[in-house]
Amino acid sequence: MQGIEYWHGQQRDYEKYYLLGGDGASQNLKEEESGMGSPLGDLIKEYAEVNPAGDCIYYGLEKKVAWREFNDRVNRLSNGLSDLGIRKGDIGAVMFHNCPEFLESFYALQKLGAIPSPLNYRFTPREIEYQTNQSDSIIFLTEEICLESVRKAKPNMPKVKNYICLLYTSPSPRD
């Protein structure tokens, strides 16, 4: 879809086709240097340090994500968003089904000090426009299954500068 950037997962690791190089996407978030961070982001980091192999997310029938993996994925996505210019106080629309990528997007924005604005994946294009415009979102994160509605709403969301579609390469809970 023109105007929407696709972020592709490799073994559930994001690699950005346009902005992030392979190794650049996996660097740790440099919170101390940038002044970024939030209590929720710090909480995830603490859990990852205390219980790295512990189960953080259960989804699907028998799928799990450990705290360390979750923290690493959130950091990689935060780095990508930071590279796009997302900063503390910015607002990002987040539209996913019930999946780990929703949580990753939500917390990635939080780690930057940005504010996530969750949208219901059942919203019509008009509802997407309304909530996105009312929230002053400047970035829109979604999944492939929602693209048709986002495509219809996109012309009427002038404040949104970047659209990110997270793609799956591993089995998702919807399989």
Protein backbone atom coordinates (compact mmCIF):
# COMPACT_ATOMS: atom_id res chain seq x y z
CA MET A 1 0.00 0.00 0.00
CA GLN A 2 1.54 3.29 -1.02
CA GLY A 3 2.39 5.59 1.88
CA ILE A 4 2.47 2.79 4.43
CA GLU A 5 5.78 1.34 5.50
CA TYR A 6 5.90 -2.39 6.12
CA TRP A 7 8.01 -3.68 8.98
CA HIS A 8 8.72 -7.33 8.44
CA GLY A 9 9.38 -9.89 11.18
CA GLN A 10 12.17 -12.44 10.98
CA GLN A 11 11.77 -15.08 13.65
CA ARG A 12 9.60 -12.51 15.40
CA ASP A 13 12.34 -9.83 15.18
CA TYR A 14 11.48 -6.66 13.29
CA GLU A 15 13.62 -5.54 10.41
CA LYS A 16 12.66 -2.27 8.79
CA TYR A 17 12.89 -2.37 5.02
CA TYR A 18 13.43 1.37 4.59
CA LEU A 19 14.84 2.90 7.76
CA LEU A 20 16.32 0.20 9.96
CA GLY A 21 19.26 -1.94 8.99
CA GLY A 22 19.49 -5.49 10.28
CA ASP A 23 21.85 -4.81 13.19
CA GLY A 24 20.57 -1.28 13.82
CA ALA A 25 17.14 -2.64 14.63
CA SER A 26 18.39 -4.79 17.47
CA GLN A 27 20.36 -2.23 19.46
CA ASN A 28 19.26 -1.60 23.02
CA LEU A 29 17.29 1.54 23.64
CA LYS A 30 19.58 4.23 25.03
CA GLU A 31 17.26 5.66 27.66
CA GLU A 32 19.99 7.30 29.74
CA GLU A 33 21.42 9.22 26.79
CA SER A 34 18.11 10.38 25.36
CA GLY A 35 16.16 11.20 28.50
CA MET A 36 13.45 8.85 27.33
CA GLY A 37 11.65 6.30 29.39
CA SER A 38 8.53 5.79 31.41
CA PRO A 39 7.56 3.88 34.53
CA LEU A 40 5.89 1.19 32.40
CA GLY A 41 8.97 0.84 30.21
CA ASP A 42 11.13 0.60 33.31
CA LEU A 43 8.86 -2.08 34.72
CA ILE A 44 9.30 -4.28 31.64
CA LYS A 45 13.06 -3.80 31.79
CA GLU A 46 13.12 -4.76 35.48
CA TYR A 47 11.07 -7.91 34.91
CA ALA A 48 13.38 -8.86 32.02
CA GLU A 49 16.40 -8.49 34.34
CA VAL A 50 14.86 -10.34 37.30
CA ASN A 51 13.09 -13.13 35.41
CA PRO A 52 14.38 -13.18 31.80
CA ALA A 53 13.08 -16.64 30.92
CA GLY A 54 9.79 -16.21 32.76
CA ASP A 55 6.57 -16.15 30.78
CA CYS A 56 5.37 -12.64 29.96
CA ILE A 57 2.69 -13.29 27.34
CA TYR A 58 0.54 -16.34 26.66
CA TYR A 59 -1.31 -16.36 23.35
CA GLY A 60 -2.80 -18.91 21.03
CA LEU A 61 -3.03 -22.43 22.33
CA GLU A 62 0.52 -22.96 23.57
CA LYS A 63 2.50 -19.91 22.49
CA LYS A 64 4.55 -17.91 24.98
CA VAL A 65 6.85 -14.91 24.99
CA ALA A 66 9.47 -14.59 27.76
CA TRP A 67 10.18 -11.30 29.51
CA ARG A 68 13.63 -10.90 27.93
CA GLU A 69 12.28 -11.50 24.41
CA PHE A 70 9.40 -9.11 25.03
CA ASN A 71 11.72 -6.40 26.36
CA ASP A 72 14.12 -6.90 23.41
CA ARG A 73 11.29 -6.65 20.88
CA VAL A 74 9.88 -3.54 22.56
CA ASN A 75 13.36 -1.96 22.52
CA ARG A 76 13.85 -2.72 18.82
CA LEU A 77 10.48 -1.23 17.94
CA SER A 78 11.21 1.79 20.17
CA ASN A 79 14.47 2.34 18.29
CA GLY A 80 12.62 2.27 14.98
CA LEU A 81 10.03 4.73 16.21
CA SER A 82 12.76 6.97 17.61
CA ASP A 83 14.46 6.93 14.20
CA LEU A 84 11.18 8.18 12.74
CA GLY A 85 11.28 11.13 15.14
CA ILE A 86 8.78 9.95 17.75
CA ARG A 87 9.52 11.72 21.03
CA LYS A 88 8.13 12.24 24.51
CA GLY A 89 4.60 13.63 24.39
CA ASP A 90 3.88 12.47 20.82
CA ILE A 91 0.73 10.41 20.33
CA GLY A 92 0.56 7.20 18.32
CA ALA A 93 -2.54 5.36 17.15
CA VAL A 94 -2.31 1.60 17.77
CA MET A 95 -4.78 -0.71 15.98
CA PHE A 96 -4.36 -4.49 16.32
CA HIS A 97 -6.30 -7.60 17.17
CA ASN A 98 -5.47 -9.23 20.50
CA CYS A 99 -1.85 -10.17 19.75
CA PRO A 100 1.68 -9.65 21.12
CA GLU A 101 2.33 -6.93 18.52
CA PHE A 102 -0.35 -4.77 20.15
CA LEU A 103 1.48 -4.96 23.47
CA GLU A 104 4.85 -4.40 21.80
CA SER A 105 3.57 -1.28 20.03
CA PHE A 106 1.88 0.01 23.17
CA TYR A 107 4.99 -0.37 25.32
CA ALA A 108 7.41 0.77 22.60
CA LEU A 109 5.60 4.11 22.51
CA GLN A 110 5.62 4.20 26.33
CA LYS A 111 9.38 3.60 26.47
CA LEU A 112 9.84 6.73 24.36
CA GLY A 113 7.54 8.73 26.61
CA ALA A 114 4.98 8.86 23.80
CA ILE A 115 1.31 8.22 24.39
CA PRO A 116 -0.45 5.25 22.78
CA SER A 117 -4.01 5.78 21.58
CA PRO A 118 -5.54 2.30 21.13
CA LEU A 119 -8.17 1.88 18.43
CA ASN A 120 -10.67 -0.96 18.16
CA TYR A 121 -9.81 -3.17 15.19
CA ARG A 122 -13.54 -3.26 14.36
CA PHE A 123 -13.69 0.50 13.77
CA THR A 124 -15.03 1.73 10.46
CA PRO A 125 -12.84 4.10 8.43
CA ARG A 126 -14.88 7.04 9.70
CA GLU A 127 -14.35 5.98 13.33
CA ILE A 128 -10.63 5.50 12.67
CA GLU A 129 -10.44 9.03 11.24
CA TYR A 130 -12.36 10.51 14.16
CA GLN A 131 -10.35 8.93 16.97
CA THR A 132 -7.00 9.44 15.22
CA ASN A 133 -7.71 13.10 14.52
CA GLN A 134 -9.16 13.78 17.97
CA SER A 135 -6.14 12.22 19.64
CA ASP A 136 -3.69 14.25 17.50
CA SER A 137 -1.82 11.04 16.60
CA ILE A 138 1.25 11.59 14.43
CA ILE A 139 2.02 7.91 13.81
CA PHE A 140 -0.26 4.97 13.11
CA LEU A 141 0.78 1.38 13.94
CA THR A 142 -1.36 -1.48 12.70
CA GLU A 143 -1.39 -4.97 11.23
CA GLU A 144 -2.02 -6.20 7.71
CA ILE A 145 -5.58 -7.33 8.36
CA CYS A 146 -6.62 -3.74 9.23
CA LEU A 147 -5.05 -2.10 6.15
CA GLU A 148 -8.23 -1.86 4.07
CA SER A 149 -9.95 0.31 6.69
CA VAL A 150 -6.78 2.34 7.32
CA ARG A 151 -6.36 2.88 3.57
CA LYS A 152 -9.86 4.36 3.39
CA ALA A 153 -9.29 6.60 6.42
CA LYS A 154 -5.77 7.76 5.49
CA PRO A 155 -6.71 10.73 3.23
CA ASN A 156 -8.63 12.32 6.10
CA MET A 157 -5.92 12.03 8.76
CA PRO A 158 -3.55 14.91 7.91
CA LYS A 159 -1.64 14.92 11.22
CA VAL A 160 -0.38 11.34 10.78
CA LYS A 161 3.12 11.48 9.31
CA ASN A 162 3.98 7.77 9.31
CA TYR A 163 1.96 4.59 8.92
CA ILE A 164 3.62 1.38 10.10
CA CYS A 165 2.25 -2.07 9.31
CA LEU A 166 3.82 -4.84 11.39
CA LEU A 167 3.94 -8.08 9.39
CA TYR A 168 4.08 -11.56 10.85
CA THR A 169 6.39 -14.35 9.73
CA SER A 170 5.79 -16.71 12.59
CA PRO A 171 2.44 -18.28 13.48
CA SER A 172 0.10 -15.81 15.08
CA PRO A 173 -2.76 -16.51 17.48
CA ARG A 174 -5.16 -15.95 14.58
CA ASP A 175 -3.80 -18.98 12.67
